[in-house]
Protein backbone atom coordinates (compact mmCIF):
# COMPACT_ATOMS: atom_id res chain seq x y z
CA MET A 1 182.45 120.01 -60.61
CA ALA A 2 185.35 117.56 -60.81
CA PHE A 3 185.34 113.93 -61.88
CA LEU A 4 185.72 111.84 -58.70
CA ILE A 5 186.39 108.14 -58.16
CA GLN A 6 185.87 106.95 -54.60
CA ASP A 7 185.49 103.97 -52.31
CA ALA A 8 184.95 103.90 -48.55
CA THR A 9 188.37 105.39 -47.73
CA THR A 10 189.85 106.98 -50.88
CA ILE A 11 188.83 109.77 -53.25
CA ILE A 12 190.75 110.31 -56.51
CA PRO A 13 190.00 113.52 -58.46
CA LEU A 14 190.54 113.42 -62.23
CA PRO A 15 190.28 116.17 -64.85
CA ASP A 16 187.16 116.28 -66.97
CA PRO A 17 187.22 113.61 -69.70
CA VAL A 18 188.03 114.92 -73.15
CA THR A 19 186.87 112.10 -75.40
CA GLY A 20 184.99 108.87 -75.20
CA ASN A 21 182.44 110.05 -72.65
CA THR A 22 180.03 107.34 -73.79
CA GLU A 23 177.19 105.43 -72.23
CA SER A 24 175.66 102.21 -73.56
CA LEU A 25 173.42 99.42 -72.40
CA SER A 26 174.93 96.13 -71.32
CA VAL A 27 173.44 93.76 -73.92
CA SER A 28 174.93 90.64 -75.45
CA THR A 29 173.53 88.81 -78.45
CA THR A 30 174.25 85.19 -79.36
CA VAL A 31 173.36 83.65 -82.70
CA ARG A 32 172.98 79.86 -82.94
CA ARG A 33 172.29 77.66 -85.94
CA ALA A 34 170.01 74.63 -85.48
CA MET A 35 170.59 71.26 -87.12
CA ASP A 36 168.10 72.12 -89.88
CA GLY A 37 169.90 75.41 -90.67
CA THR A 38 167.48 77.72 -88.86
CA LEU A 39 169.14 80.69 -87.17
CA PHE A 40 168.12 81.60 -83.62
CA SER A 41 169.30 84.73 -81.85
CA TYR A 42 169.29 85.12 -78.10
CA LYS A 43 169.53 88.48 -76.42
CA LYS A 44 170.72 88.78 -72.84
CA SER A 45 170.26 92.20 -71.32
CA SER A 46 170.55 93.74 -67.91
CA ASP A 47 169.67 97.03 -66.33
CA ARG A 48 173.36 97.90 -65.97
CA LYS A 49 175.02 100.40 -68.30
CA LEU A 50 178.56 100.58 -69.62
CA TYR A 51 180.44 103.86 -69.30
CA SER A 52 183.73 104.82 -70.96
CA TRP A 53 185.88 107.90 -70.39
CA ALA A 54 189.25 109.04 -71.74
CA PHE A 55 191.45 111.40 -69.77
CA THR A 56 194.58 113.28 -70.87
CA ASN A 57 197.10 115.45 -69.04
CA VAL A 58 196.72 113.49 -65.82
CA LYS A 59 199.58 114.01 -63.36
CA ASN A 60 201.86 111.05 -62.70
CA ASN A 61 201.10 110.89 -58.96
CA ILE A 62 197.36 110.69 -59.70
CA LEU A 63 197.98 107.99 -62.32
CA ASP A 64 199.95 105.94 -59.79
CA SER A 65 197.16 106.38 -57.24
CA LEU A 66 194.59 105.37 -59.86
CA ARG A 67 196.50 102.20 -60.78
CA THR A 68 196.76 101.24 -57.09
CA PHE A 69 193.08 102.07 -56.56
CA ILE A 70 191.93 99.91 -59.49
CA ASN A 71 194.07 96.96 -58.38
CA ALA A 72 192.83 97.28 -54.78
CA ASN A 73 189.16 97.53 -55.79
CA ARG A 74 189.08 94.76 -58.38
CA GLY A 75 185.48 93.48 -58.36
CA ALA A 76 184.43 95.80 -55.54
CA THR A 77 181.71 98.43 -55.85
CA VAL A 78 183.03 101.98 -56.18
CA ARG A 79 181.33 105.32 -56.75
CA ILE A 80 182.05 107.68 -59.62
CA THR A 81 180.81 111.25 -59.70
CA THR A 82 181.04 112.69 -63.21
CA ALA A 83 181.66 116.30 -64.15
CA ASP A 84 177.92 116.55 -64.96
CA GLY A 85 177.02 115.61 -61.38
CA LEU A 86 175.88 112.08 -62.24
CA VAL A 87 176.64 109.58 -59.43
CA ILE A 88 177.25 105.99 -60.59
CA ASN A 89 177.80 102.97 -58.35
CA GLY A 90 179.38 99.98 -60.03
CA VAL A 91 182.56 98.07 -60.82
CA PHE A 92 185.51 98.59 -63.15
CA ARG A 93 185.62 96.40 -66.25
CA GLU A 94 188.40 93.80 -66.44
CA ASP A 95 189.98 95.40 -69.53
CA ASN A 96 190.50 98.51 -67.42
CA LEU A 97 193.42 97.11 -65.47
CA THR A 98 195.70 96.65 -68.47
CA THR A 99 194.74 100.03 -69.92
CA ALA A 100 195.59 101.88 -66.72
CA SER A 101 198.87 99.99 -66.30
CA GLU A 102 200.06 100.53 -69.86
CA THR A 103 199.38 104.25 -70.05
CA CYS A 104 200.56 105.42 -66.64
CA GLN A 105 203.77 106.87 -68.10
CA SER A 106 202.08 108.88 -70.87
CA GLY A 107 199.62 110.96 -68.81
CA GLU A 108 196.64 109.41 -70.59
CA VAL A 109 194.20 106.87 -69.23
CA SER A 110 190.87 105.48 -70.37
CA LEU A 111 188.39 103.95 -67.96
CA SER A 112 185.61 101.47 -68.61
CA PHE A 113 183.00 101.13 -65.89
CA GLU A 114 179.82 99.10 -65.45
CA GLY A 115 177.15 100.53 -63.21
C-alpha cells in the first residue's frame, strides 16, 4: 500500500518513508517558579498525536505538487493514509512549510503532521 496525502479534490502518492516514521503524544510542560522559590509544573495534553515522516527519492513533479498542496491546505484538515494502512485526519504543522520549500530541489522531504 502506498503513502497517500489527500484532501477533498487532490491525492498525492509518496514513496514509503525511510526514516523518522515516529509517533508521539502532543504534550507541553511549563515550569514556573513562585515568589517563595517553589517550582510548579503544569502539563497540558491533548488527545492529538504528532507524526513525522522522512521521504527520499521523491520525483520533482511530486515535490512541486506537495509544496502547492501544503500551501493550499494551510490549517485545513487533510487525510493521510500510511503504508501500514493507518488513516489519520489532521493538519500539517507550521514548521512543515519551510521544510517542504527548502528541500524541493534535493528529492528529500520531511513531513510533520498533527492528527
